[in-house]
Amino acid sequence: MTAVTAQASRRLLATLRDFDLVNEMWVEGVPLDDPSVALAKDIRVCEARLVDGLWLRILDLPAALTAREYSADADAVIEVTDEQLPANAGTWRLRISGGEASLSRTDDAADIALMIQDLSAAYLGFDHFRRQQAAGLLTERTPGTVQALHAAFTAYEAPFANLWF
């Protein structure tokens, strides 16, 4: 099921639900924040299941971090560990202003340290820095950095790819 707007999703679900003899229905392959979840009469009967469907591994850190939009301003030095691509590894100054970012190498002390796969997940805007910190996946060396990057990287909608191959 795919719909462009929440209203279209609601109408599509209502149409499917209203067919004669339909007393049970399931929807698969929707993002975590899909409006169809809010349409359930009793959220407790929904059997939500999280499955892999979108993977990202940043190959060119400067190109990736300067290409996306951001939700808040931030200025942080991030230490990235990348055993596969040494060009990504090292200490970088990330400056975000007005929704746009600049990234440059620096010798300054890192405010935060994390692995490329965790930065790649945060890049999508859903696997936030605060959750990664709680899981022990990153080290905050300067208090407030996690909160600032969390606010900057948070996306309005959860990342989702409805193309399966």
Protein backbone atom coordinates (compact mmCIF):
# COMPACT_ATOMS: atom_id res chain seq x y z
CA MET A 1 0.00 0.00 0.00
CA THR A 2 1.38 3.37 -0.97
CA ALA A 3 -0.24 6.77 -0.67
CA VAL A 4 1.18 10.24 -1.22
CA THR A 5 -0.68 11.94 1.63
CA ALA A 6 -2.12 10.93 5.01
CA GLN A 7 -5.59 11.68 3.64
CA ALA A 8 -5.04 9.35 0.69
CA SER A 9 -3.76 6.63 3.05
CA ARG A 10 -6.85 7.02 5.23
CA ARG A 11 -9.19 6.80 2.24
CA LEU A 12 -7.40 3.78 0.82
CA LEU A 13 -7.58 1.94 4.13
CA ALA A 14 -11.26 2.88 4.57
CA THR A 15 -12.04 1.53 1.10
CA LEU A 16 -10.26 -1.75 1.81
CA ARG A 17 -11.90 -2.08 5.20
CA ASP A 18 -15.39 -1.47 3.80
CA PHE A 19 -15.37 -4.38 1.34
CA ASP A 20 -18.03 -6.98 2.17
CA LEU A 21 -16.89 -9.84 4.39
CA VAL A 22 -13.66 -8.11 5.41
CA ASN A 23 -13.22 -8.47 9.15
CA GLU A 24 -9.43 -8.57 9.31
CA MET A 25 -6.75 -6.76 7.38
CA TRP A 26 -3.02 -6.27 7.61
CA VAL A 27 -0.72 -3.70 6.13
CA GLU A 28 2.91 -4.49 5.44
CA GLY A 29 5.83 -2.41 4.35
CA VAL A 30 4.94 0.97 5.83
CA PRO A 31 7.28 3.33 7.67
CA LEU A 32 7.26 3.49 11.46
CA ASP A 33 5.44 6.82 11.49
CA ASP A 34 2.83 5.90 8.86
CA PRO A 35 -0.59 7.49 9.54
CA SER A 36 -2.32 4.12 9.07
CA VAL A 37 -1.20 3.16 12.58
CA ALA A 38 -3.19 6.06 14.02
CA LEU A 39 -6.29 4.80 12.19
CA ALA A 40 -6.43 1.57 14.18
CA LYS A 41 -9.43 1.53 16.52
CA ASP A 42 -7.30 -0.15 19.19
CA ILE A 43 -3.55 0.21 18.79
CA ARG A 44 -3.02 -2.79 21.08
CA VAL A 45 -4.37 -5.17 18.43
CA CYS A 46 -1.78 -4.04 15.90
CA GLU A 47 1.06 -6.49 15.63
CA ALA A 48 3.80 -4.16 14.52
CA ARG A 49 6.94 -5.85 13.31
CA LEU A 50 10.19 -4.11 12.51
CA VAL A 51 11.98 -5.52 9.48
CA ASP A 52 15.06 -4.46 7.56
CA GLY A 53 14.26 -2.64 4.38
CA LEU A 54 16.66 0.28 4.13
CA TRP A 55 20.39 0.17 4.65
CA LEU A 56 22.93 2.90 4.25
CA ARG A 57 26.69 2.95 4.50
CA ILE A 58 28.31 6.31 3.86
CA LEU A 59 31.13 6.00 1.33
CA ASP A 60 32.04 9.68 0.95
CA LEU A 61 31.57 11.45 4.28
CA PRO A 62 32.03 15.07 3.08
CA ALA A 63 29.70 14.58 0.11
CA ALA A 64 27.04 12.86 2.20
CA LEU A 65 26.98 15.25 5.16
CA THR A 66 26.92 18.36 2.98
CA ALA A 67 24.22 16.99 0.65
CA ARG A 68 21.38 16.51 3.16
CA GLU A 69 19.20 19.05 4.93
CA TYR A 70 19.24 19.55 8.69
CA SER A 71 16.57 20.51 11.23
CA ALA A 72 18.67 22.67 13.57
CA ASP A 73 22.01 24.42 13.78
CA ALA A 74 25.02 22.67 15.33
CA ASP A 75 28.78 22.96 15.50
CA ALA A 76 30.66 19.86 16.58
CA VAL A 77 33.91 18.02 16.10
CA ILE A 78 33.20 14.37 15.36
CA GLU A 79 35.71 11.55 15.45
CA VAL A 80 34.73 8.87 12.96
CA THR A 81 36.08 5.32 12.95
CA ASP A 82 35.91 3.62 9.54
CA GLU A 83 38.02 0.51 9.09
CA GLN A 84 36.84 -0.05 5.50
CA LEU A 85 37.41 3.42 4.06
CA PRO A 86 40.30 5.32 5.67
CA ALA A 87 39.26 8.50 3.82
CA ASN A 88 36.20 8.72 6.12
CA ALA A 89 38.14 8.06 9.33
CA GLY A 90 39.47 10.84 11.47
CA THR A 91 38.35 14.02 13.12
CA TRP A 92 35.97 16.34 11.31
CA ARG A 93 34.40 19.70 12.14
CA LEU A 94 30.73 19.68 11.21
CA ARG A 95 29.11 23.11 11.06
CA ILE A 96 25.37 23.23 10.41
CA SER A 97 23.62 26.55 9.85
CA GLY A 98 20.32 27.33 8.18
CA GLY A 99 19.75 23.69 7.26
CA GLU A 100 23.06 23.35 5.39
CA ALA A 101 26.33 21.82 6.52
CA SER A 102 30.03 22.22 5.93
CA LEU A 103 32.56 19.57 6.85
CA SER A 104 36.32 19.90 7.12
CA ARG A 105 39.18 17.96 8.64
CA THR A 106 40.48 19.28 11.93
CA ASP A 107 43.05 18.56 14.62
CA ASP A 108 40.70 19.88 17.33
CA ALA A 109 39.62 17.58 20.14
CA ALA A 110 36.51 15.57 19.30
CA ASP A 111 33.19 16.43 20.94
CA ILE A 112 31.80 13.03 20.01
CA ALA A 113 33.25 9.73 18.75
CA LEU A 114 31.39 7.07 16.79
CA MET A 115 31.74 4.46 14.09
CA ILE A 116 30.75 5.11 10.47
CA GLN A 117 27.86 2.64 10.58
CA ASP A 118 26.29 4.54 13.49
CA LEU A 119 26.79 7.88 11.76
CA SER A 120 25.26 6.34 8.62
CA ALA A 121 22.18 5.29 10.59
CA ALA A 122 21.84 8.76 12.12
CA TYR A 123 22.27 10.29 8.64
CA LEU A 124 18.88 8.84 7.67
CA GLY A 125 17.29 10.91 10.43
CA PHE A 126 15.77 8.14 12.51
CA ASP A 127 18.40 6.23 14.47
CA HIS A 128 19.09 9.24 16.60
CA PHE A 129 22.23 10.11 18.49
CA ARG A 130 20.43 9.99 21.86
CA ARG A 131 19.37 6.38 21.31
CA GLN A 132 22.87 5.47 20.11
CA GLN A 133 24.34 7.08 23.22
CA ALA A 134 21.96 5.14 25.47
CA ALA A 135 23.03 1.93 23.70
CA GLY A 136 26.71 2.75 24.22
CA LEU A 137 27.40 3.13 20.50
CA LEU A 138 29.00 6.56 20.76
CA THR A 139 31.05 8.57 23.22
CA GLU A 140 30.10 12.13 24.06
CA ARG A 141 33.19 14.00 25.18
CA THR A 142 31.62 17.46 25.30
CA PRO A 143 28.29 17.65 27.13
CA GLY A 144 25.43 18.85 24.94
CA THR A 145 26.89 17.54 21.68
CA VAL A 146 24.54 14.56 21.48
CA GLN A 147 21.50 16.78 22.02
CA ALA A 148 22.68 19.31 19.40
CA LEU A 149 23.37 16.64 16.77
CA HIS A 150 20.13 14.82 17.64
CA ALA A 151 18.17 18.01 16.95
CA ALA A 152 20.09 18.72 13.73
CA PHE A 153 19.81 15.23 12.22
CA THR A 154 16.19 14.50 13.18
CA ALA A 155 14.01 14.15 10.10
CA TYR A 156 10.35 15.18 9.91
CA GLU A 157 9.42 11.70 8.69
CA ALA A 158 11.02 8.33 9.37
CA PRO A 159 13.22 7.10 6.52
CA PHE A 160 11.52 4.56 4.32
CA ALA A 161 12.06 2.79 1.01
CA ASN A 162 8.95 1.20 -0.51
CA LEU A 163 10.87 -0.27 -3.41
CA TRP A 164 11.69 -3.91 -2.76
CA PHE A 165 14.06 -5.86 -4.97
